[in-house]
Amino acid sequence: MKYETAMLKTFFVVAVLTCVLTFGAMVTTAAPVATQSIAAVR
């Protein structure tokens, strides 16, 4: 495998993992934060 191909595949895997971790963090923390900010506005 060429060096460039290995770098691109590694970058793709890191990007997907970053997206999955970010999505997981948003899903698990979005509801309490949203309800607290809505309650604070009212």
PDB file of N, CA and C in Angstrom:
ATOM      1  N   MET A   1       0.848  -1.182   0.000  1.00  0.00           N
ATOM      2  CA  MET A   1       0.000   0.000   0.000  1.00  0.00           C
ATOM      3  C   MET A   1       0.892   1.245   0.000  1.00  0.00           C
ATOM      4  N   LYS A   2       0.526   2.189  -0.843  1.00  0.00           N
ATOM      5  CA  LYS A   2       1.319   3.409  -0.918  1.00  0.00           C
ATOM      6  C   LYS A   2       1.113   4.260   0.330  1.00  0.00           C
ATOM      7  N   TYR A   3       2.069   5.121   0.566  1.00  0.00           N
ATOM      8  CA  TYR A   3       2.022   6.003   1.734  1.00  0.00           C
ATOM      9  C   TYR A   3       0.805   6.932   1.683  1.00  0.00           C
ATOM     10  N   GLU A   4       0.503   7.477   0.497  1.00  0.00           N
ATOM     11  CA  GLU A   4      -0.622   8.399   0.374  1.00  0.00           C
ATOM     12  C   GLU A   4      -1.942   7.699   0.642  1.00  0.00           C
ATOM     13  N   THR A   5      -2.075   6.466   0.160  1.00  0.00           N
ATOM     14  CA  THR A   5      -3.301   5.714   0.381  1.00  0.00           C
ATOM     15  C   THR A   5      -3.495   5.420   1.858  1.00  0.00           C
ATOM     16  N   ALA A   6      -2.417   5.046   2.537  1.00  0.00           N
ATOM     17  CA  ALA A   6      -2.506   4.780   3.972  1.00  0.00           C
ATOM     18  C   ALA A   6      -2.891   6.038   4.734  1.00  0.00           C
ATOM     19  N   MET A   7      -2.336   7.181   4.340  1.00  0.00           N
ATOM     20  CA  MET A   7      -2.667   8.436   5.006  1.00  0.00           C
ATOM     21  C   MET A   7      -4.133   8.804   4.794  1.00  0.00           C
ATOM     22  N   LEU A   8      -4.627   8.629   3.569  1.00  0.00           N
ATOM     23  CA  LEU A   8      -6.026   8.957   3.296  1.00  0.00           C
ATOM     24  C   LEU A   8      -6.975   8.044   4.064  1.00  0.00           C
ATOM     25  N   LYS A   9      -6.666   6.760   4.109  1.00  0.00           N
ATOM     26  CA  LYS A   9      -7.526   5.834   4.847  1.00  0.00           C
ATOM     27  C   LYS A   9      -7.505   6.141   6.338  1.00  0.00           C
ATOM     28  N   THR A  10      -6.334   6.472   6.857  1.00  0.00           N
ATOM     29  CA  THR A  10      -6.235   6.826   8.275  1.00  0.00           C
ATOM     30  C   THR A  10      -7.008   8.097   8.567  1.00  0.00           C
ATOM     31  N   PHE A  11      -6.891   9.097   7.688  1.00  0.00           N
ATOM     32  CA  PHE A  11      -7.632  10.344   7.863  1.00  0.00           C
ATOM     33  C   PHE A  11      -9.129  10.097   7.826  1.00  0.00           C
ATOM     34  N   PHE A  12      -9.589   9.239   6.913  1.00  0.00           N
ATOM     35  CA  PHE A  12     -11.010   8.923   6.813  1.00  0.00           C
ATOM     36  C   PHE A  12     -11.512   8.253   8.085  1.00  0.00           C
ATOM     37  N   VAL A  13     -10.755   7.303   8.613  1.00  0.00           N
ATOM     38  CA  VAL A  13     -11.156   6.616   9.842  1.00  0.00           C
ATOM     39  C   VAL A  13     -11.224   7.596  11.007  1.00  0.00           C
ATOM     40  N   VAL A  14     -10.243   8.476  11.104  1.00  0.00           N
ATOM     41  CA  VAL A  14     -10.241   9.469  12.185  1.00  0.00           C
ATOM     42  C   VAL A  14     -11.424  10.416  12.039  1.00  0.00           C
ATOM     43  N   ALA A  15     -11.746  10.827  10.823  1.00  0.00           N
ATOM     44  CA  ALA A  15     -12.877  11.725  10.597  1.00  0.00           C
ATOM     45  C   ALA A  15     -14.193  11.057  10.982  1.00  0.00           C
ATOM     46  N   VAL A  16     -14.359   9.794  10.617  1.00  0.00           N
ATOM     47  CA  VAL A  16     -15.586   9.076  10.960  1.00  0.00           C
ATOM     48  C   VAL A  16     -15.695   8.908  12.469  1.00  0.00           C
ATOM     49  N   LEU A  17     -14.611   8.542  13.125  1.00  0.00           N
ATOM     50  CA  LEU A  17     -14.648   8.406  14.582  1.00  0.00           C
ATOM     51  C   LEU A  17     -14.975   9.733  15.260  1.00  0.00           C
ATOM     52  N   THR A  18     -14.418  10.829  14.747  1.00  0.00           N
ATOM     53  CA  THR A  18     -14.723  12.139  15.309  1.00  0.00           C
ATOM     54  C   THR A  18     -16.204  12.471  15.153  1.00  0.00           C
ATOM     55  N   CYS A  19     -16.752  12.184  13.987  1.00  0.00           N
ATOM     56  CA  CYS A  19     -18.176  12.446  13.761  1.00  0.00           C
ATOM     57  C   CYS A  19     -19.046  11.591  14.679  1.00  0.00           C
ATOM     58  N   VAL A  20     -18.693  10.319  14.836  1.00  0.00           N
ATOM     59  CA  VAL A  20     -19.476   9.434  15.693  1.00  0.00           C
ATOM     60  C   VAL A  20     -19.413   9.900  17.144  1.00  0.00           C
ATOM     61  N   LEU A  21     -18.232  10.260  17.621  1.00  0.00           N
ATOM     62  CA  LEU A  21     -18.109  10.722  19.001  1.00  0.00           C
ATOM     63  C   LEU A  21     -18.853  12.039  19.217  1.00  0.00           C
ATOM     64  N   THR A  22     -18.766  12.951  18.252  1.00  0.00           N
ATOM     65  CA  THR A  22     -19.480  14.225  18.372  1.00  0.00           C
ATOM     66  C   THR A  22     -20.983  14.003  18.363  1.00  0.00           C
ATOM     67  N   PHE A  23     -21.463  13.147  17.470  1.00  0.00           N
ATOM     68  CA  PHE A  23     -22.891  12.856  17.410  1.00  0.00           C
ATOM     69  C   PHE A  23     -23.364  12.202  18.703  1.00  0.00           C
ATOM     70  N   GLY A  24     -22.577  11.274  19.217  1.00  0.00           N
ATOM     71  CA  GLY A  24     -22.935  10.629  20.477  1.00  0.00           C
ATOM     72  C   GLY A  24     -22.986  11.613  21.622  1.00  0.00           C
ATOM     73  N   ALA A  25     -22.053  12.550  21.664  1.00  0.00           N
ATOM     74  CA  ALA A  25     -22.056  13.560  22.719  1.00  0.00           C
ATOM     75  C   ALA A  25     -23.267  14.473  22.585  1.00  0.00           C
ATOM     76  N   MET A  26     -23.623  14.842  21.371  1.00  0.00           N
ATOM     77  CA  MET A  26     -24.784  15.717  21.180  1.00  0.00           C
ATOM     78  C   MET A  26     -26.075  15.001  21.554  1.00  0.00           C
ATOM     79  N   VAL A  27     -26.187  13.736  21.200  1.00  0.00           N
ATOM     80  CA  VAL A  27     -27.416  12.994  21.496  1.00  0.00           C
ATOM     81  C   VAL A  27     -27.582  12.802  22.996  1.00  0.00           C
ATOM     82  N   THR A  28     -26.503  12.523  23.686  1.00  0.00           N
ATOM     83  CA  THR A  28     -26.624  12.228  25.113  1.00  0.00           C
ATOM     84  C   THR A  28     -26.745  13.480  25.968  1.00  0.00           C
ATOM     85  N   THR A  29     -26.332  14.652  25.464  1.00  0.00           N
ATOM     86  CA  THR A  29     -26.377  15.853  26.294  1.00  0.00           C
ATOM     87  C   THR A  29     -27.327  16.923  25.774  1.00  0.00           C
ATOM     88  N   ALA A  30     -27.936  16.749  24.609  1.00  0.00           N
ATOM     89  CA  ALA A  30     -28.741  17.819  24.019  1.00  0.00           C
ATOM     90  C   ALA A  30     -30.018  18.073  24.814  1.00  0.00           C
ATOM     91  N   ALA A  31     -30.719  17.037  25.232  1.00  0.00           N
ATOM     92  CA  ALA A  31     -32.019  17.230  25.869  1.00  0.00           C
ATOM     93  C   ALA A  31     -31.924  17.989  27.199  1.00  0.00           C
ATOM     94  N   PRO A  32     -31.058  17.610  28.138  1.00  0.00           N
ATOM     95  CA  PRO A  32     -31.005  18.367  29.391  1.00  0.00           C
ATOM     96  C   PRO A  32     -30.567  19.817  29.194  1.00  0.00           C
ATOM     97  N   VAL A  33     -29.613  20.060  28.300  1.00  0.00           N
ATOM     98  CA  VAL A  33     -29.142  21.426  28.081  1.00  0.00           C
ATOM     99  C   VAL A  33     -30.248  22.260  27.462  1.00  0.00           C
ATOM    100  N   ALA A  34     -30.977  21.697  26.503  1.00  0.00           N
ATOM    101  CA  ALA A  34     -32.040  22.440  25.841  1.00  0.00           C
ATOM    102  C   ALA A  34     -33.166  22.766  26.825  1.00  0.00           C
ATOM    103  N   THR A  35     -33.536  21.811  27.668  1.00  0.00           N
ATOM    104  CA  THR A  35     -34.632  22.071  28.595  1.00  0.00           C
ATOM    105  C   THR A  35     -34.220  23.092  29.646  1.00  0.00           C
ATOM    106  N   GLN A  36     -32.961  23.069  30.050  1.00  0.00           N
ATOM    107  CA  GLN A  36     -32.506  24.046  31.041  1.00  0.00           C
ATOM    108  C   GLN A  36     -32.488  25.449  30.430  1.00  0.00           C
ATOM    109  N   SER A  37     -32.042  25.580  29.192  1.00  0.00           N
ATOM    110  CA  SER A  37     -31.985  26.911  28.582  1.00  0.00           C
ATOM    111  C   SER A  37     -33.384  27.423  28.298  1.00  0.00           C
ATOM    112  N   ILE A  38     -34.300  26.546  27.918  1.00  0.00           N
ATOM    113  CA  ILE A  38     -35.694  26.974  27.671  1.00  0.00           C
ATOM    114  C   ILE A  38     -36.321  27.404  28.998  1.00  0.00           C
ATOM    115  N   ALA A  39     -36.072  26.671  30.060  1.00  0.00           N
ATOM    116  CA  ALA A  39     -36.620  27.031  31.356  1.00  0.00           C
ATOM    117  C   ALA A  39     -36.036  28.351  31.850  1.00  0.00           C
ATOM    118  N   ALA A  40     -34.769  28.616  31.539  1.00  0.00           N
ATOM    119  CA  ALA A  40     -34.143  29.852  31.984  1.00  0.00           C
ATOM    120  C   ALA A  40     -34.711  31.050  31.229  1.00  0.00           C
ATOM    121  N   VAL A  41     -35.060  30.868  29.975  1.00  0.00           N
ATOM    122  CA  VAL A  41     -35.618  31.964  29.174  1.00  0.00           C
ATOM    123  C   VAL A  41     -36.998  32.320  29.689  1.00  0.00           C
ATOM    124  N   ARG A  42     -37.784  31.311  30.042  1.00  0.00           N
ATOM    125  CA  ARG A  42     -39.146  31.574  30.523  1.00  0.00           C
ATOM    126  C   ARG A  42     -39.045  32.037  31.932  1.00  0.00           C
TER     127      ARG A  42
END
